[in-house]
Amino acid sequence: MIVRNCIAHNNGFLENFGKSRRLKSIAKSKSHIEIVGKSMSERINFTNRFCYSRIEFFIPMFRRLFDVLDFGPEYPTISDEK
């Protein structure tokens, strides 16, 4: 939640973010999150692997959701018919 709040409310910058020390601690303990920049330009950064891990998490969730709600085939077809 702290990471999300920093991004959503402070554009990822640590300057003027009340929990910047906690955020730095999180970044040190998570291999896919890092702090980049110096002084007033310090900000949170995610590696490509972090983004990929989130995609890996959400794809099965959406598949289950589509199955439960009966939204149609897993891989919908696109028709040119108008």
Protein backbone atom coordinates (compact mmCIF):
# COMPACT_ATOMS: atom_id res chain seq x y z
CA MET A 1 0.00 0.00 0.00
CA ILE A 2 2.90 2.36 0.74
CA VAL A 3 4.36 1.77 -2.73
CA ARG A 4 0.97 2.36 -4.33
CA ASN A 5 0.40 5.55 -2.34
CA CYS A 6 3.78 6.96 -3.31
CA ILE A 7 3.05 6.34 -6.99
CA ALA A 8 -0.56 7.48 -6.93
CA HIS A 9 -0.19 10.55 -4.74
CA ASN A 10 3.41 11.65 -5.30
CA ASN A 11 4.18 10.43 -8.85
CA GLY A 12 6.70 7.99 -7.40
CA PHE A 13 8.93 10.70 -5.91
CA LEU A 14 10.15 10.31 -2.33
CA GLU A 15 10.48 14.07 -1.73
CA ASN A 16 7.62 15.22 0.53
CA PHE A 17 6.35 11.64 0.90
CA GLY A 18 5.71 10.99 4.58
CA LYS A 19 6.78 7.35 4.57
CA SER A 20 9.88 7.61 2.40
CA ARG A 21 12.07 5.77 4.95
CA ARG A 22 9.66 2.84 4.98
CA LEU A 23 9.57 2.88 1.19
CA LYS A 24 13.38 2.74 1.02
CA SER A 25 13.31 -0.23 3.37
CA ILE A 26 10.78 -2.00 1.15
CA ALA A 27 12.90 -1.30 -1.93
CA LYS A 28 15.95 -2.83 -0.23
CA SER A 29 14.05 -6.02 0.59
CA LYS A 30 12.28 -6.47 -2.77
CA SER A 31 14.47 -7.45 -5.70
CA HIS A 32 12.22 -5.91 -8.37
CA ILE A 33 11.77 -2.47 -6.76
CA GLU A 34 14.54 0.11 -6.49
CA ILE A 35 15.09 3.75 -5.59
CA VAL A 36 16.75 5.81 -8.32
CA GLY A 37 17.93 9.43 -8.48
CA LYS A 38 19.49 11.65 -5.85
CA SER A 39 18.19 14.08 -3.26
CA MET A 40 14.98 15.78 -4.44
CA SER A 41 14.74 13.62 -7.56
CA GLU A 42 14.72 10.27 -5.72
CA ARG A 43 11.88 8.11 -6.96
CA ILE A 44 10.68 4.54 -6.96
CA ASN A 45 11.42 2.40 -10.00
CA PHE A 46 10.23 -1.06 -11.01
CA THR A 47 12.21 -3.49 -13.08
CA ASN A 48 10.69 -5.27 -16.07
CA ARG A 49 10.56 -8.42 -13.97
CA PHE A 50 8.22 -6.73 -11.49
CA CYS A 51 5.77 -5.82 -14.26
CA TYR A 52 5.97 -9.34 -15.67
CA SER A 53 5.30 -10.86 -12.24
CA ARG A 54 2.13 -8.78 -11.92
CA ILE A 55 0.94 -9.95 -15.35
CA GLU A 56 1.61 -13.55 -14.29
CA PHE A 57 -0.57 -12.93 -11.23
CA PHE A 58 -3.50 -11.28 -13.03
CA ILE A 59 -3.90 -13.55 -16.08
CA PRO A 60 -5.08 -16.61 -14.10
CA MET A 61 -7.30 -14.37 -11.97
CA PHE A 62 -9.06 -12.98 -15.04
CA ARG A 63 -9.38 -16.46 -16.55
CA ARG A 64 -11.14 -17.67 -13.40
CA LEU A 65 -13.34 -14.58 -13.36
CA PHE A 66 -14.35 -15.05 -17.01
CA ASP A 67 -15.14 -18.73 -16.36
CA VAL A 68 -17.27 -18.02 -13.29
CA LEU A 69 -19.16 -15.19 -15.00
CA ASP A 70 -19.48 -17.13 -18.27
CA PHE A 71 -18.11 -14.28 -20.39
CA GLY A 72 -17.50 -16.52 -23.38
CA PRO A 73 -14.54 -18.32 -24.86
CA GLU A 74 -11.12 -17.94 -23.26
CA TYR A 75 -9.75 -16.59 -26.54
CA PRO A 76 -12.55 -14.60 -28.20
CA THR A 77 -12.75 -14.43 -31.95
CA ILE A 78 -12.99 -11.13 -33.79
CA SER A 79 -15.35 -10.93 -36.69
CA ASP A 80 -15.27 -8.43 -39.55
CA GLU A 81 -19.05 -8.57 -39.87
CA LYS A 82 -20.89 -5.30 -39.40
